């Protein structure tokens, strides 16, 4: 049995505030000792400012999403919450597709919006 559930959090610039609000809304659950958070650069700092303990990777544009994908491939990350903005084209779309592909290859749940992330989090809570 795993000691903890590692949740990766990533968000497009327009969705960073939404991710922080999601974390705050679920703060009691996400601060459980069996749940750990890992995030890309700026989002990780913002989560820390909101009171969460987060392991920070590089910013996405500097390879943070690739670092998270590597941890998914190694079996270290249990679920990925990546809030995307479908209305904006991103310069690093290739990196985003890479992370989605790695999650699919390794059968790791990936939530790209708050509704799906909430469903995944509710399922995690049932296993605590």
C-alpha atoms as a PDB file:
ATOM      1  CA  UNK A   1       0.000   0.000   0.000  1.00  0.00           C
ATOM      2  CA  UNK A   2       1.305   3.464  -0.908  1.00  0.00           C
ATOM      3  CA  UNK A   3       2.325   5.830   1.865  1.00  0.00           C
ATOM      4  CA  UNK A   4       0.784   8.817   0.123  1.00  0.00           C
ATOM      5  CA  UNK A   5      -0.960  10.046  -3.010  1.00  0.00           C
ATOM      6  CA  UNK A   6       1.131  12.464  -5.063  1.00  0.00           C
ATOM      7  CA  UNK A   7      -0.958  14.964  -7.024  1.00  0.00           C
ATOM      8  CA  UNK A   8       0.701  17.103  -9.697  1.00  0.00           C
ATOM      9  CA  UNK A   9      -0.833  20.536 -10.269  1.00  0.00           C
ATOM     10  CA  UNK A  10      -0.254  22.546 -13.428  1.00  0.00           C
ATOM     11  CA  UNK A  11      -2.287  25.406 -14.903  1.00  0.00           C
ATOM     12  CA  UNK A  12      -2.232  27.665 -17.920  1.00  0.00           C
ATOM     13  CA  UNK A  13      -1.694  31.315 -16.996  1.00  0.00           C
ATOM     14  CA  UNK A  14      -5.419  32.114 -17.328  1.00  0.00           C
ATOM     15  CA  UNK A  15      -6.261  29.169 -15.056  1.00  0.00           C
ATOM     16  CA  UNK A  16      -3.723  29.615 -12.236  1.00  0.00           C
ATOM     17  CA  UNK A  17      -6.201  31.581 -10.089  1.00  0.00           C
ATOM     18  CA  UNK A  18      -8.855  28.904 -10.698  1.00  0.00           C
ATOM     19  CA  UNK A  19      -6.415  26.214  -9.555  1.00  0.00           C
ATOM     20  CA  UNK A  20      -5.574  28.141  -6.378  1.00  0.00           C
ATOM     21  CA  UNK A  21      -9.294  28.570  -5.643  1.00  0.00           C
ATOM     22  CA  UNK A  22      -9.786  24.833  -6.206  1.00  0.00           C
ATOM     23  CA  UNK A  23      -6.961  24.086  -3.756  1.00  0.00           C
ATOM     24  CA  UNK A  24      -8.397  26.458  -1.152  1.00  0.00           C
ATOM     25  CA  UNK A  25     -11.898  24.988  -1.572  1.00  0.00           C
ATOM     26  CA  UNK A  26     -10.450  21.510  -0.966  1.00  0.00           C
ATOM     27  CA  UNK A  27      -7.850  22.608   1.564  1.00  0.00           C
ATOM     28  CA  UNK A  28      -8.829  20.234   4.354  1.00  0.00           C
ATOM     29  CA  UNK A  29      -8.500  17.226   2.067  1.00  0.00           C
ATOM     30  CA  UNK A  30      -5.366  18.417   0.270  1.00  0.00           C
ATOM     31  CA  UNK A  31      -3.536  19.086   3.531  1.00  0.00           C
ATOM     32  CA  UNK A  32      -4.105  15.511   4.718  1.00  0.00           C
ATOM     33  CA  UNK A  33      -0.823  13.826   5.635  1.00  0.00           C
ATOM     34  CA  UNK A  34      -1.414  11.130   2.977  1.00  0.00           C
ATOM     35  CA  UNK A  35      -1.701  13.655   0.131  1.00  0.00           C
ATOM     36  CA  UNK A  36       1.330  15.447  -1.317  1.00  0.00           C
ATOM     37  CA  UNK A  37       1.380  18.154  -3.974  1.00  0.00           C
ATOM     38  CA  UNK A  38       3.946  18.809  -6.689  1.00  0.00           C
ATOM     39  CA  UNK A  39       3.650  21.798  -9.004  1.00  0.00           C
ATOM     40  CA  UNK A  40       5.316  23.757 -11.727  1.00  0.00           C
ATOM     41  CA  UNK A  41       7.138  26.981 -10.764  1.00  0.00           C
ATOM     42  CA  UNK A  42       4.826  29.968 -10.373  1.00  0.00           C
ATOM     43  CA  UNK A  43       1.788  27.864  -9.509  1.00  0.00           C
ATOM     44  CA  UNK A  44       3.787  26.148  -6.777  1.00  0.00           C
ATOM     45  CA  UNK A  45       4.800  29.493  -5.280  1.00  0.00           C
ATOM     46  CA  UNK A  46       1.202  30.711  -5.402  1.00  0.00           C
ATOM     47  CA  UNK A  47       0.014  27.516  -3.705  1.00  0.00           C
ATOM     48  CA  UNK A  48       2.622  27.982  -0.964  1.00  0.00           C
ATOM     49  CA  UNK A  49       1.448  31.567  -0.435  1.00  0.00           C
ATOM     50  CA  UNK A  50      -2.045  30.117   0.040  1.00  0.00           C
ATOM     51  CA  UNK A  51      -0.798  27.840   2.804  1.00  0.00           C
ATOM     52  CA  UNK A  52      -0.057  24.585   0.982  1.00  0.00           C
ATOM     53  CA  UNK A  53       3.101  22.540   1.211  1.00  0.00           C
ATOM     54  CA  UNK A  54       4.237  21.950  -2.364  1.00  0.00           C
ATOM     55  CA  UNK A  55       7.297  20.471  -4.019  1.00  0.00           C
ATOM     56  CA  UNK A  56       8.151  22.895  -6.803  1.00  0.00           C
ATOM     57  CA  UNK A  57       9.519  22.026 -10.221  1.00  0.00           C
ATOM     58  CA  UNK A  58      10.716  24.469 -12.873  1.00  0.00           C
ATOM     59  CA  UNK A  59       8.200  26.772 -14.593  1.00  0.00           C
ATOM     60  CA  UNK A  60       6.480  25.101 -17.565  1.00  0.00           C
ATOM     61  CA  UNK A  61       8.365  27.161 -20.140  1.00  0.00           C
ATOM     62  CA  UNK A  62      11.642  26.034 -18.546  1.00  0.00           C
ATOM     63  CA  UNK A  63      10.731  22.316 -18.516  1.00  0.00           C
ATOM     64  CA  UNK A  64       8.593  21.913 -15.393  1.00  0.00           C
ATOM     65  CA  UNK A  65       5.891  20.018 -17.243  1.00  0.00           C
ATOM     66  CA  UNK A  66       8.591  17.677 -18.607  1.00  0.00           C
ATOM     67  CA  UNK A  67       9.877  17.136 -15.059  1.00  0.00           C
ATOM     68  CA  UNK A  68       6.373  16.179 -13.972  1.00  0.00           C
ATOM     69  CA  UNK A  69       5.954  13.904 -17.015  1.00  0.00           C
ATOM     70  CA  UNK A  70       9.185  12.165 -16.042  1.00  0.00           C
ATOM     71  CA  UNK A  71       7.830  11.505 -12.558  1.00  0.00           C
ATOM     72  CA  UNK A  72       4.602  10.159 -14.086  1.00  0.00           C
ATOM     73  CA  UNK A  73       6.660   7.781 -16.241  1.00  0.00           C
ATOM     74  CA  UNK A  74       8.596   6.667 -13.152  1.00  0.00           C
ATOM     75  CA  UNK A  75       5.347   5.800 -11.363  1.00  0.00           C
ATOM     76  CA  UNK A  76       5.809   8.504  -8.721  1.00  0.00           C
ATOM     77  CA  UNK A  77       2.755  10.646  -9.516  1.00  0.00           C
ATOM     78  CA  UNK A  78      -0.720   9.208  -8.938  1.00  0.00           C
ATOM     79  CA  UNK A  79      -2.893  11.870 -10.576  1.00  0.00           C
ATOM     80  CA  UNK A  80      -2.387  15.084 -12.558  1.00  0.00           C
ATOM     81  CA  UNK A  81      -4.585  18.170 -12.303  1.00  0.00           C
ATOM     82  CA  UNK A  82      -3.728  20.322 -15.319  1.00  0.00           C
ATOM     83  CA  UNK A  83      -6.218  23.143 -15.725  1.00  0.00           C
ATOM     84  CA  UNK A  84      -6.075  24.151 -19.366  1.00  0.00           C
ATOM     85  CA  UNK A  85      -7.585  27.092 -21.205  1.00  0.00           C
ATOM     86  CA  UNK A  86      -9.118  25.688 -24.399  1.00  0.00           C
ATOM     87  CA  UNK A  87      -9.680  29.192 -25.768  1.00  0.00           C
ATOM     88  CA  UNK A  88      -5.997  30.164 -25.856  1.00  0.00           C
ATOM     89  CA  UNK A  89      -3.229  28.822 -28.059  1.00  0.00           C
ATOM     90  CA  UNK A  90      -0.099  28.031 -26.058  1.00  0.00           C
ATOM     91  CA  UNK A  91       3.452  28.371 -27.291  1.00  0.00           C
ATOM     92  CA  UNK A  92       4.364  25.141 -25.546  1.00  0.00           C
ATOM     93  CA  UNK A  93       1.441  23.056 -26.852  1.00  0.00           C
ATOM     94  CA  UNK A  94       3.893  20.268 -27.725  1.00  0.00           C
ATOM     95  CA  UNK A  95       4.889  19.991 -24.053  1.00  0.00           C
ATOM     96  CA  UNK A  96       1.252  19.804 -22.998  1.00  0.00           C
ATOM     97  CA  UNK A  97       0.540  17.039 -25.503  1.00  0.00           C
ATOM     98  CA  UNK A  98       3.636  15.194 -24.248  1.00  0.00           C
ATOM     99  CA  UNK A  99       2.311  15.233 -20.674  1.00  0.00           C
ATOM    100  CA  UNK A 100      -1.125  14.043 -21.818  1.00  0.00           C
ATOM    101  CA  UNK A 101       0.501  11.225 -23.816  1.00  0.00           C
ATOM    102  CA  UNK A 102       2.676  10.160 -20.872  1.00  0.00           C
ATOM    103  CA  UNK A 103      -0.381  10.065 -18.589  1.00  0.00           C
ATOM    104  CA  UNK A 104      -2.219   7.947 -21.156  1.00  0.00           C
ATOM    105  CA  UNK A 105       0.728   5.585 -21.685  1.00  0.00           C
ATOM    106  CA  UNK A 106       1.149   5.042 -17.934  1.00  0.00           C
ATOM    107  CA  UNK A 107      -2.588   4.992 -17.145  1.00  0.00           C
ATOM    108  CA  UNK A 108      -2.412   7.988 -14.795  1.00  0.00           C
ATOM    109  CA  UNK A 109      -5.637   9.984 -14.331  1.00  0.00           C
ATOM    110  CA  UNK A 110      -5.454  13.483 -15.818  1.00  0.00           C
ATOM    111  CA  UNK A 111      -7.997  16.215 -15.068  1.00  0.00           C
ATOM    112  CA  UNK A 112      -7.956  19.223 -17.383  1.00  0.00           C
ATOM    113  CA  UNK A 113     -10.756  21.095 -15.630  1.00  0.00           C
ATOM    114  CA  UNK A 114     -12.124  21.664 -12.149  1.00  0.00           C
ATOM    115  CA  UNK A 115     -15.120  19.344 -12.469  1.00  0.00           C
ATOM    116  CA  UNK A 116     -12.949  16.362 -13.366  1.00  0.00           C
ATOM    117  CA  UNK A 117     -10.350  17.235 -10.731  1.00  0.00           C
ATOM    118  CA  UNK A 118     -13.097  17.324  -8.099  1.00  0.00           C
ATOM    119  CA  UNK A 119     -14.330  13.872  -9.129  1.00  0.00           C
ATOM    120  CA  UNK A 120     -10.785  12.478  -8.909  1.00  0.00           C
ATOM    121  CA  UNK A 121     -10.222  14.132  -5.538  1.00  0.00           C
ATOM    122  CA  UNK A 122     -13.498  12.737  -4.206  1.00  0.00           C
ATOM    123  CA  UNK A 123     -12.364   9.254  -5.261  1.00  0.00           C
ATOM    124  CA  UNK A 124      -8.989   9.764  -3.548  1.00  0.00           C
ATOM    125  CA  UNK A 125     -10.730  10.806  -0.326  1.00  0.00           C
ATOM    126  CA  UNK A 126     -12.722   7.554  -0.299  1.00  0.00           C
ATOM    127  CA  UNK A 127      -9.417   5.635  -0.279  1.00  0.00           C
ATOM    128  CA  UNK A 128      -7.828   7.555   2.625  1.00  0.00           C
END
